[in-house]
All heavy atoms as atom14 arrays in JSON, in Angstrom:
{
  "sequence": "RDKAKNSVNLQMNSLKPEDTAVYYCNADLRTDWRGGFRDYWGQG",
  "atom14_mask": [
    [1, 1, 1, 1, 1, 1, 1, 1, 1, 1, 1, 0, 0, 0],
    [1, 1, 1, 1, 1, 1, 1, 1, 0, 0, 0, 0, 0, 0],
    [1, 1, 1, 1, 1, 1, 1, 1, 1, 0, 0, 0, 0, 0],
    [1, 1, 1, 1, 1, 0, 0, 0, 0, 0, 0, 0, 0, 0],
    [1, 1, 1, 1, 1, 1, 1, 1, 1, 0, 0, 0, 0, 0],
    [1, 1, 1, 1, 1, 1, 1, 1, 0, 0, 0, 0, 0, 0],
    [1, 1, 1, 1, 1, 1, 0, 0, 0, 0, 0, 0, 0, 0],
    [1, 1, 1, 1, 1, 1, 1, 0, 0, 0, 0, 0, 0, 0],
    [1, 1, 1, 1, 1, 1, 1, 1, 0, 0, 0, 0, 0, 0],
    [1, 1, 1, 1, 1, 1, 1, 1, 0, 0, 0, 0, 0, 0],
    [1, 1, 1, 1, 1, 1, 1, 1, 1, 0, 0, 0, 0, 0],
    [1, 1, 1, 1, 1, 1, 1, 1, 0, 0, 0, 0, 0, 0],
    [1, 1, 1, 1, 1, 1, 1, 1, 0, 0, 0, 0, 0, 0],
    [1, 1, 1, 1, 1, 1, 0, 0, 0, 0, 0, 0, 0, 0],
    [1, 1, 1, 1, 1, 1, 1, 1, 0, 0, 0, 0, 0, 0],
    [1, 1, 1, 1, 1, 1, 1, 1, 1, 0, 0, 0, 0, 0],
    [1, 1, 1, 1, 1, 1, 1, 0, 0, 0, 0, 0, 0, 0],
    [1, 1, 1, 1, 1, 1, 1, 1, 1, 0, 0, 0, 0, 0],
    [1, 1, 1, 1, 1, 1, 1, 1, 0, 0, 0, 0, 0, 0],
    [1, 1, 1, 1, 1, 1, 1, 0, 0, 0, 0, 0, 0, 0],
    [1, 1, 1, 1, 1, 0, 0, 0, 0, 0, 0, 0, 0, 0],
    [1, 1, 1, 1, 1, 1, 1, 0, 0, 0, 0, 0, 0, 0],
    [1, 1, 1, 1, 1, 1, 1, 1, 1, 1, 1, 1, 0, 0],
    [1, 1, 1, 1, 1, 1, 1, 1, 1, 1, 1, 1, 0, 0],
    [1, 1, 1, 1, 1, 1, 0, 0, 0, 0, 0, 0, 0, 0],
    [1, 1, 1, 1, 1, 1, 1, 1, 0, 0, 0, 0, 0, 0],
    [1, 1, 1, 1, 1, 0, 0, 0, 0, 0, 0, 0, 0, 0],
    [1, 1, 1, 1, 1, 1, 1, 1, 0, 0, 0, 0, 0, 0],
    [1, 1, 1, 1, 1, 1, 1, 1, 0, 0, 0, 0, 0, 0],
    [1, 1, 1, 1, 1, 1, 1, 1, 1, 1, 1, 0, 0, 0],
    [1, 1, 1, 1, 1, 1, 1, 0, 0, 0, 0, 0, 0, 0],
    [1, 1, 1, 1, 1, 1, 1, 1, 0, 0, 0, 0, 0, 0],
    [1, 1, 1, 1, 1, 1, 1, 1, 1, 1, 1, 1, 1, 1],
    [1, 1, 1, 1, 1, 1, 1, 1, 1, 1, 1, 0, 0, 0],
    [1, 1, 1, 1, 0, 0, 0, 0, 0, 0, 0, 0, 0, 0],
    [1, 1, 1, 1, 0, 0, 0, 0, 0, 0, 0, 0, 0, 0],
    [1, 1, 1, 1, 1, 1, 1, 1, 1, 1, 1, 0, 0, 0],
    [1, 1, 1, 1, 1, 1, 1, 1, 1, 1, 1, 0, 0, 0],
    [1, 1, 1, 1, 1, 1, 1, 1, 0, 0, 0, 0, 0, 0],
    [1, 1, 1, 1, 1, 1, 1, 1, 1, 1, 1, 1, 0, 0],
    [1, 1, 1, 1, 1, 1, 1, 1, 1, 1, 1, 1, 1, 1],
    [1, 1, 1, 1, 0, 0, 0, 0, 0, 0, 0, 0, 0, 0],
    [1, 1, 1, 1, 1, 1, 1, 1, 1, 0, 0, 0, 0, 0],
    [1, 1, 1, 1, 0, 0, 0, 0, 0, 0, 0, 0, 0, 0]
  ],
  "atom14_positions": [
    [[-62.95, 291.16, 63.6], [-62.91, 289.95, 62.65], [-64.4, 289.61, 62.38], [-65.41, 290.04, 63.05], [-62.34, 288.8, 63.37], [-63.03, 288.33, 64.66], [-62.41, 287.13, 65.32], [-63.07, 286.85, 66.6], [-63.12, 285.7, 67.24], [-62.22, 284.74, 66.79], [-63.63, 285.56, 68.38], [0.0, 0.0, 0.0], [0.0, 0.0, 0.0], [0.0, 0.0, 0.0]],
    [[-64.56, 288.93, 61.28], [-65.81, 288.31, 60.81], [-65.5, 286.89, 60.49], [-65.02, 286.6, 59.41], [-66.42, 289.06, 59.68], [-67.74, 288.59, 59.35], [-68.18, 287.48, 59.56], [-68.61, 289.37, 58.82], [0.0, 0.0, 0.0], [0.0, 0.0, 0.0], [0.0, 0.0, 0.0], [0.0, 0.0, 0.0], [0.0, 0.0, 0.0], [0.0, 0.0, 0.0]],
    [[-65.77, 285.91, 61.47], [-65.5, 284.52, 61.2], [-66.16, 283.97, 60.01], [-65.54, 283.15, 59.32], [-65.83, 283.76, 62.51], [-64.89, 283.98, 63.7], [-65.22, 283.1, 64.84], [-64.3, 283.22, 66.01], [-64.63, 282.38, 67.09], [0.0, 0.0, 0.0], [0.0, 0.0, 0.0], [0.0, 0.0, 0.0], [0.0, 0.0, 0.0], [0.0, 0.0, 0.0]],
    [[-67.42, 284.33, 59.88], [-68.18, 283.8, 58.75], [-67.57, 284.1, 57.36], [-67.71, 283.32, 56.45], [-69.63, 284.22, 58.76], [0.0, 0.0, 0.0], [0.0, 0.0, 0.0], [0.0, 0.0, 0.0], [0.0, 0.0, 0.0], [0.0, 0.0, 0.0], [0.0, 0.0, 0.0], [0.0, 0.0, 0.0], [0.0, 0.0, 0.0], [0.0, 0.0, 0.0]],
    [[-66.92, 285.28, 57.35], [-66.39, 285.68, 56.09], [-64.85, 285.49, 56.04], [-64.22, 285.86, 54.98], [-66.77, 287.21, 55.75], [-68.26, 287.47, 55.7], [-68.46, 288.96, 55.49], [-70.07, 289.22, 55.31], [-70.35, 290.64, 55.08], [0.0, 0.0, 0.0], [0.0, 0.0, 0.0], [0.0, 0.0, 0.0], [0.0, 0.0, 0.0], [0.0, 0.0, 0.0]],
    [[-64.21, 284.92, 57.03], [-62.81, 284.87, 57.1], [-62.12, 286.2, 56.77], [-61.15, 286.26, 55.98], [-62.31, 283.71, 56.2], [-62.72, 282.33, 56.7], [-62.66, 282.12, 57.87], [-63.11, 281.47, 55.7], [0.0, 0.0, 0.0], [0.0, 0.0, 0.0], [0.0, 0.0, 0.0], [0.0, 0.0, 0.0], [0.0, 0.0, 0.0], [0.0, 0.0, 0.0]],
    [[-62.64, 287.24, 57.39], [-62.03, 288.58, 57.12], [-61.63, 289.12, 58.4], [-62.07, 288.82, 59.56], [-63.03, 289.44, 56.38], [-64.2, 289.67, 57.17], [0.0, 0.0, 0.0], [0.0, 0.0, 0.0], [0.0, 0.0, 0.0], [0.0, 0.0, 0.0], [0.0, 0.0, 0.0], [0.0, 0.0, 0.0], [0.0, 0.0, 0.0], [0.0, 0.0, 0.0]],
    [[-60.93, 290.17, 58.3], [-60.3, 290.93, 59.46], [-60.17, 292.47, 58.99], [-60.0, 292.7, 57.84], [-58.89, 290.46, 59.83], [-57.88, 290.62, 58.77], [-58.51, 291.08, 61.16], [0.0, 0.0, 0.0], [0.0, 0.0, 0.0], [0.0, 0.0, 0.0], [0.0, 0.0, 0.0], [0.0, 0.0, 0.0], [0.0, 0.0, 0.0], [0.0, 0.0, 0.0]],
    [[-60.5, 293.32, 59.99], [-60.48, 294.76, 59.71], [-59.6, 295.42, 60.66], [-59.36, 294.96, 61.77], [-61.89, 295.36, 59.82], [-62.94, 294.72, 58.86], [-62.71, 294.6, 57.68], [-64.05, 294.31, 59.3], [0.0, 0.0, 0.0], [0.0, 0.0, 0.0], [0.0, 0.0, 0.0], [0.0, 0.0, 0.0], [0.0, 0.0, 0.0], [0.0, 0.0, 0.0]],
    [[-59.17, 296.6, 60.27], [-58.3, 297.44, 61.14], [-58.77, 298.87, 61.1], [-58.57, 299.51, 60.02], [-56.82, 297.38, 60.73], [-55.86, 298.09, 61.69], [-55.8, 297.39, 63.04], [-54.43, 298.14, 61.04], [0.0, 0.0, 0.0], [0.0, 0.0, 0.0], [0.0, 0.0, 0.0], [0.0, 0.0, 0.0], [0.0, 0.0, 0.0], [0.0, 0.0, 0.0]],
    [[-59.48, 299.36, 62.1], [-59.87, 300.69, 62.25], [-58.72, 301.52, 62.76], [-58.33, 301.29, 63.86], [-61.13, 300.78, 63.02], [-61.63, 302.25, 63.21], [-62.15, 302.81, 61.93], [-62.87, 302.19, 61.21], [-61.84, 304.04, 61.58], [0.0, 0.0, 0.0], [0.0, 0.0, 0.0], [0.0, 0.0, 0.0], [0.0, 0.0, 0.0], [0.0, 0.0, 0.0]],
    [[-58.3, 302.48, 61.95], [-57.14, 303.34, 62.39], [-57.65, 304.73, 62.53], [-58.06, 305.35, 61.52], [-56.06, 303.17, 61.24], [-55.53, 301.81, 60.96], [-54.17, 301.81, 59.84], [-54.97, 302.43, 58.35], [0.0, 0.0, 0.0], [0.0, 0.0, 0.0], [0.0, 0.0, 0.0], [0.0, 0.0, 0.0], [0.0, 0.0, 0.0], [0.0, 0.0, 0.0]],
    [[-57.6, 305.16, 63.82], [-58.01, 306.53, 64.08], [-56.71, 307.32, 64.55], [-55.74, 306.82, 64.97], [-59.11, 306.57, 65.14], [-60.32, 305.88, 64.8], [-60.68, 305.86, 63.72], [-60.99, 305.23, 65.71], [0.0, 0.0, 0.0], [0.0, 0.0, 0.0], [0.0, 0.0, 0.0], [0.0, 0.0, 0.0], [0.0, 0.0, 0.0], [0.0, 0.0, 0.0]],
    [[-56.85, 308.68, 64.58], [-55.74, 309.58, 65.0], [-54.51, 309.18, 64.43], [-53.5, 309.02, 64.98], [-55.75, 309.44, 66.57], [-56.87, 309.83, 67.18], [0.0, 0.0, 0.0], [0.0, 0.0, 0.0], [0.0, 0.0, 0.0], [0.0, 0.0, 0.0], [0.0, 0.0, 0.0], [0.0, 0.0, 0.0], [0.0, 0.0, 0.0], [0.0, 0.0, 0.0]],
    [[-54.52, 309.1, 63.08], [-53.28, 308.61, 62.33], [-52.18, 309.64, 62.44], [-52.48, 310.88, 62.47], [-53.67, 308.37, 60.82], [-54.37, 307.01, 60.7], [-55.04, 306.98, 59.31], [-53.33, 305.86, 60.77], [0.0, 0.0, 0.0], [0.0, 0.0, 0.0], [0.0, 0.0, 0.0], [0.0, 0.0, 0.0], [0.0, 0.0, 0.0], [0.0, 0.0, 0.0]],
    [[-50.99, 309.27, 62.46], [-49.83, 310.01, 62.59], [-48.96, 309.74, 61.3], [-48.97, 308.62, 60.72], [-49.06, 309.69, 63.86], [-49.88, 309.81, 65.15], [-49.04, 309.28, 66.32], [-49.81, 309.42, 67.64], [-48.97, 308.94, 68.79], [0.0, 0.0, 0.0], [0.0, 0.0, 0.0], [0.0, 0.0, 0.0], [0.0, 0.0, 0.0], [0.0, 0.0, 0.0]],
    [[-48.1, 310.73, 60.99], [-47.14, 310.48, 59.87], [-46.3, 309.18, 60.09], [-45.93, 308.49, 59.16], [-46.26, 311.74, 59.87], [-47.25, 312.73, 60.33], [-47.99, 312.1, 61.5], [0.0, 0.0, 0.0], [0.0, 0.0, 0.0], [0.0, 0.0, 0.0], [0.0, 0.0, 0.0], [0.0, 0.0, 0.0], [0.0, 0.0, 0.0], [0.0, 0.0, 0.0]],
    [[-46.03, 308.88, 61.41], [-45.25, 307.65, 61.69], [-45.96, 306.4, 61.32], [-45.35, 305.39, 61.24], [-44.84, 307.65, 63.17], [-44.19, 308.93, 63.59], [-45.09, 309.91, 64.21], [-45.68, 310.69, 63.43], [-45.34, 309.83, 65.43], [0.0, 0.0, 0.0], [0.0, 0.0, 0.0], [0.0, 0.0, 0.0], [0.0, 0.0, 0.0], [0.0, 0.0, 0.0]],
    [[-47.23, 306.48, 61.06], [-48.0, 305.28, 60.71], [-47.86, 304.93, 59.2], [-48.32, 303.99, 58.71], [-49.47, 305.42, 60.97], [-49.68, 305.57, 62.42], [-49.14, 304.81, 63.27], [-50.56, 306.45, 62.86], [0.0, 0.0, 0.0], [0.0, 0.0, 0.0], [0.0, 0.0, 0.0], [0.0, 0.0, 0.0], [0.0, 0.0, 0.0], [0.0, 0.0, 0.0]],
    [[-47.2, 305.88, 58.46], [-47.11, 305.66, 57.04], [-46.22, 304.33, 56.79], [-45.08, 304.25, 57.27], [-46.32, 306.84, 56.43], [-47.15, 307.99, 56.44], [-46.03, 306.55, 54.93], [0.0, 0.0, 0.0], [0.0, 0.0, 0.0], [0.0, 0.0, 0.0], [0.0, 0.0, 0.0], [0.0, 0.0, 0.0], [0.0, 0.0, 0.0], [0.0, 0.0, 0.0]],
    [[-46.79, 303.51, 56.01], [-46.19, 302.18, 55.72], [-47.06, 301.39, 54.74], [-48.12, 301.8, 54.43], [-45.9, 301.37, 56.98], [0.0, 0.0, 0.0], [0.0, 0.0, 0.0], [0.0, 0.0, 0.0], [0.0, 0.0, 0.0], [0.0, 0.0, 0.0], [0.0, 0.0, 0.0], [0.0, 0.0, 0.0], [0.0, 0.0, 0.0], [0.0, 0.0, 0.0]],
    [[-46.51, 300.29, 54.21], [-47.34, 299.28, 53.57], [-47.82, 298.42, 54.62], [-47.03, 297.79, 55.41], [-46.47, 298.59, 52.48], [-47.35, 297.51, 51.87], [-46.01, 299.58, 51.37], [0.0, 0.0, 0.0], [0.0, 0.0, 0.0], [0.0, 0.0, 0.0], [0.0, 0.0, 0.0], [0.0, 0.0, 0.0], [0.0, 0.0, 0.0], [0.0, 0.0, 0.0]],
    [[-49.15, 298.19, 54.6], [-49.79, 297.35, 55.64], [-50.1, 296.04, 54.89], [-50.76, 295.95, 53.91], [-51.02, 297.95, 56.15], [-50.71, 299.08, 57.12], [-50.16, 300.33, 56.7], [-51.07, 298.9, 58.43], [-49.91, 301.28, 57.66], [-50.76, 299.95, 59.41], [-50.11, 301.04, 58.99], [-49.87, 302.05, 59.9], [0.0, 0.0, 0.0], [0.0, 0.0, 0.0]],
    [[-49.67, 294.95, 55.6], [-49.87, 293.61, 55.06], [-50.86, 292.75, 55.9], [-50.69, 292.78, 57.18], [-48.59, 292.87, 54.99], [-47.56, 293.44, 54.04], [-46.68, 294.33, 54.48], [-47.51, 293.02, 52.68], [-45.75, 294.88, 53.58], [-46.64, 293.57, 51.86], [-45.76, 294.47, 52.31], [-44.82, 295.08, 51.32], [0.0, 0.0, 0.0], [0.0, 0.0, 0.0]],
    [[-51.74, 292.19, 55.29], [-52.66, 291.22, 56.01], [-51.95, 289.84, 56.24], [-51.33, 289.34, 55.3], [-53.95, 291.08, 55.19], [-55.17, 289.92, 55.98], [0.0, 0.0, 0.0], [0.0, 0.0, 0.0], [0.0, 0.0, 0.0], [0.0, 0.0, 0.0], [0.0, 0.0, 0.0], [0.0, 0.0, 0.0], [0.0, 0.0, 0.0], [0.0, 0.0, 0.0]],
    [[-52.16, 289.3, 57.27], [-51.56, 287.98, 57.57], [-52.6, 287.04, 58.17], [-53.44, 287.42, 58.97], [-50.44, 288.12, 58.5], [-49.9, 286.78, 59.02], [-50.26, 286.33, 60.22], [-49.09, 286.11, 58.28], [0.0, 0.0, 0.0], [0.0, 0.0, 0.0], [0.0, 0.0, 0.0], [0.0, 0.0, 0.0], [0.0, 0.0, 0.0], [0.0, 0.0, 0.0]],
    [[-52.55, 285.78, 57.71], [-53.47, 284.75, 58.28], [-52.63, 283.49, 58.53], [-51.85, 283.11, 57.7], [-54.62, 284.44, 57.32], [0.0, 0.0, 0.0], [0.0, 0.0, 0.0], [0.0, 0.0, 0.0], [0.0, 0.0, 0.0], [0.0, 0.0, 0.0], [0.0, 0.0, 0.0], [0.0, 0.0, 0.0], [0.0, 0.0, 0.0], [0.0, 0.0, 0.0]],
    [[-52.92, 282.87, 59.71], [-52.3, 281.67, 60.14], [-53.48, 280.62, 59.98], [-54.44, 280.59, 60.78], [-51.75, 281.72, 61.52], [-51.21, 280.35, 61.93], [-50.69, 279.55, 61.12], [-51.23, 280.11, 63.21], [0.0, 0.0, 0.0], [0.0, 0.0, 0.0], [0.0, 0.0, 0.0], [0.0, 0.0, 0.0], [0.0, 0.0, 0.0], [0.0, 0.0, 0.0]],
    [[-53.43, 279.76, 58.97], [-54.62, 278.87, 58.72], [-54.11, 277.59, 58.17], [-52.97, 277.36, 57.76], [-55.65, 279.53, 57.78], [-55.18, 280.11, 56.41], [-55.22, 279.0, 55.43], [-56.04, 281.23, 56.01], [0.0, 0.0, 0.0], [0.0, 0.0, 0.0], [0.0, 0.0, 0.0], [0.0, 0.0, 0.0], [0.0, 0.0, 0.0], [0.0, 0.0, 0.0]],
    [[-55.09, 276.6, 58.01], [-54.82, 275.35, 57.34], [-55.99, 275.14, 56.27], [-57.11, 275.62, 56.57], [-54.68, 274.17, 58.24], [-55.83, 273.94, 59.23], [-55.55, 272.73, 60.07], [-56.61, 272.44, 61.08], [-56.74, 271.49, 61.87], [-55.82, 270.54, 61.75], [-57.71, 271.38, 62.73], [0.0, 0.0, 0.0], [0.0, 0.0, 0.0], [0.0, 0.0, 0.0]],
    [[-55.73, 274.46, 55.25], [-56.69, 274.27, 54.19], [-57.44, 272.98, 54.22], [-58.4, 272.76, 53.5], [-55.96, 274.43, 52.84], [-54.98, 273.39, 52.73], [-55.38, 275.81, 52.67], [0.0, 0.0, 0.0], [0.0, 0.0, 0.0], [0.0, 0.0, 0.0], [0.0, 0.0, 0.0], [0.0, 0.0, 0.0], [0.0, 0.0, 0.0], [0.0, 0.0, 0.0]],
    [[-57.03, 272.08, 55.07], [-57.71, 270.79, 55.31], [-57.49, 270.28, 56.69], [-56.47, 270.8, 57.35], [-57.45, 269.79, 54.25], [-56.05, 269.34, 54.31], [-55.62, 268.58, 55.07], [-55.27, 269.85, 53.32], [0.0, 0.0, 0.0], [0.0, 0.0, 0.0], [0.0, 0.0, 0.0], [0.0, 0.0, 0.0], [0.0, 0.0, 0.0], [0.0, 0.0, 0.0]],
    [[-58.23, 269.25, 57.12], [-58.03, 268.75, 58.49], [-56.74, 268.04, 58.75], [-56.31, 267.86, 59.91], [-59.21, 267.86, 58.82], [-59.18, 266.5, 58.05], [-59.76, 266.31, 56.75], [-58.7, 265.35, 58.43], [-59.59, 264.97, 56.48], [-58.88, 264.37, 57.45], [-58.0, 264.9, 59.64], [-58.51, 263.01, 57.49], [-57.59, 263.54, 59.74], [-57.9, 262.63, 58.76]],
    [[-56.07, 267.62, 57.64], [-54.8, 266.89, 57.79], [-53.61, 267.71, 57.78], [-52.51, 267.3, 58.33], [-54.69, 265.79, 56.69], [-55.78, 264.67, 56.72], [-55.55, 263.72, 55.66], [-54.41, 262.86, 56.0], [-53.89, 261.97, 55.16], [-54.42, 261.66, 54.02], [-52.77, 261.23, 55.57], [0.0, 0.0, 0.0], [0.0, 0.0, 0.0], [0.0, 0.0, 0.0]],
    [[-53.76, 268.86, 57.18], [-52.65, 269.73, 56.98], [-52.31, 270.54, 58.22], [-53.14, 270.66, 59.13], [0.0, 0.0, 0.0], [0.0, 0.0, 0.0], [0.0, 0.0, 0.0], [0.0, 0.0, 0.0], [0.0, 0.0, 0.0], [0.0, 0.0, 0.0], [0.0, 0.0, 0.0], [0.0, 0.0, 0.0], [0.0, 0.0, 0.0], [0.0, 0.0, 0.0]],
    [[-51.09, 271.06, 58.31], [-50.67, 271.97, 59.31], [-51.04, 273.44, 59.1], [-51.35, 273.81, 57.89], [0.0, 0.0, 0.0], [0.0, 0.0, 0.0], [0.0, 0.0, 0.0], [0.0, 0.0, 0.0], [0.0, 0.0, 0.0], [0.0, 0.0, 0.0], [0.0, 0.0, 0.0], [0.0, 0.0, 0.0], [0.0, 0.0, 0.0], [0.0, 0.0, 0.0]],
    [[-50.88, 274.24, 60.1], [-51.14, 275.6, 59.91], [-49.91, 276.28, 59.33], [-48.72, 275.85, 59.49], [-51.34, 276.28, 61.28], [-52.72, 275.92, 61.84], [-52.86, 274.89, 62.75], [-53.81, 276.75, 61.52], [-54.1, 274.62, 63.26], [-55.06, 276.52, 62.07], [-55.15, 275.46, 62.96], [0.0, 0.0, 0.0], [0.0, 0.0, 0.0], [0.0, 0.0, 0.0]],
    [[-50.12, 277.19, 58.47], [-49.08, 277.99, 57.82], [-49.56, 279.51, 57.59], [-50.73, 279.79, 57.66], [-48.58, 277.41, 56.48], [-49.77, 277.27, 55.49], [-49.18, 276.84, 54.13], [-48.4, 277.94, 53.57], [-47.83, 277.88, 52.32], [-47.97, 276.73, 51.6], [-47.16, 278.88, 51.83], [0.0, 0.0, 0.0], [0.0, 0.0, 0.0], [0.0, 0.0, 0.0]],
    [[-48.61, 280.36, 57.43], [-48.83, 281.77, 57.22], [-49.15, 282.03, 55.68], [-48.46, 281.56, 54.86], [-47.59, 282.61, 57.68], [-47.63, 282.84, 59.16], [-48.78, 282.92, 59.73], [-46.62, 283.18, 59.72], [0.0, 0.0, 0.0], [0.0, 0.0, 0.0], [0.0, 0.0, 0.0], [0.0, 0.0, 0.0], [0.0, 0.0, 0.0], [0.0, 0.0, 0.0]],
    [[-50.08, 282.99, 55.61], [-50.36, 283.48, 54.24], [-50.32, 285.03, 54.32], [-50.67, 285.61, 55.42], [-51.7, 283.03, 53.76], [-51.83, 281.56, 53.45], [-52.09, 280.62, 54.45], [-51.57, 281.09, 52.19], [-52.13, 279.3, 54.21], [-51.75, 279.7, 51.93], [-51.89, 278.83, 52.92], [-52.03, 277.53, 52.68], [0.0, 0.0, 0.0], [0.0, 0.0, 0.0]],
    [[-49.96, 285.59, 53.23], [-49.75, 287.07, 53.26], [-50.54, 287.76, 52.06], [-50.49, 287.1, 51.0], [-48.23, 287.43, 53.18], [-47.57, 287.12, 54.43], [-46.95, 285.94, 54.64], [-47.34, 287.95, 55.57], [-46.24, 285.96, 55.81], [-46.56, 287.16, 56.4], [-47.75, 289.22, 55.87], [-46.14, 287.66, 57.72], [-47.28, 289.77, 57.14], [-46.52, 288.95, 58.0]],
    [[-51.1, 288.87, 52.34], [-51.6, 289.68, 51.34], [-50.55, 290.5, 50.51], [-49.33, 290.45, 50.86], [0.0, 0.0, 0.0], [0.0, 0.0, 0.0], [0.0, 0.0, 0.0], [0.0, 0.0, 0.0], [0.0, 0.0, 0.0], [0.0, 0.0, 0.0], [0.0, 0.0, 0.0], [0.0, 0.0, 0.0], [0.0, 0.0, 0.0], [0.0, 0.0, 0.0]],
    [[-50.93, 291.21, 49.53], [-50.01, 291.88, 48.58], [-49.61, 293.2, 49.18], [-48.55, 293.77, 48.86], [-50.56, 292.07, 47.25], [-51.6, 293.31, 47.14], [-52.88, 293.02, 47.78], [-53.27, 291.88, 48.26], [-53.67, 293.99, 47.87], [0.0, 0.0, 0.0], [0.0, 0.0, 0.0], [0.0, 0.0, 0.0], [0.0, 0.0, 0.0], [0.0, 0.0, 0.0]],
    [[-50.36, 293.65, 50.27], [-50.04, 294.89, 50.88], [-50.83, 296.1, 50.4], [-51.19, 296.11, 49.11], [0.0, 0.0, 0.0], [0.0, 0.0, 0.0], [0.0, 0.0, 0.0], [0.0, 0.0, 0.0], [0.0, 0.0, 0.0], [0.0, 0.0, 0.0], [0.0, 0.0, 0.0], [0.0, 0.0, 0.0], [0.0, 0.0, 0.0], [0.0, 0.0, 0.0]]
  ]
}
């Protein structure tokens, strides 16, 4: 992770055919101090 950039990385080594898939980024966050946390998803 890189907290300053609100980013996350996934280094994938020794990949196998079984790893074939659409990979989705997920974040559990809140947009202001009063709001609750909720999930956000990337497009894949």
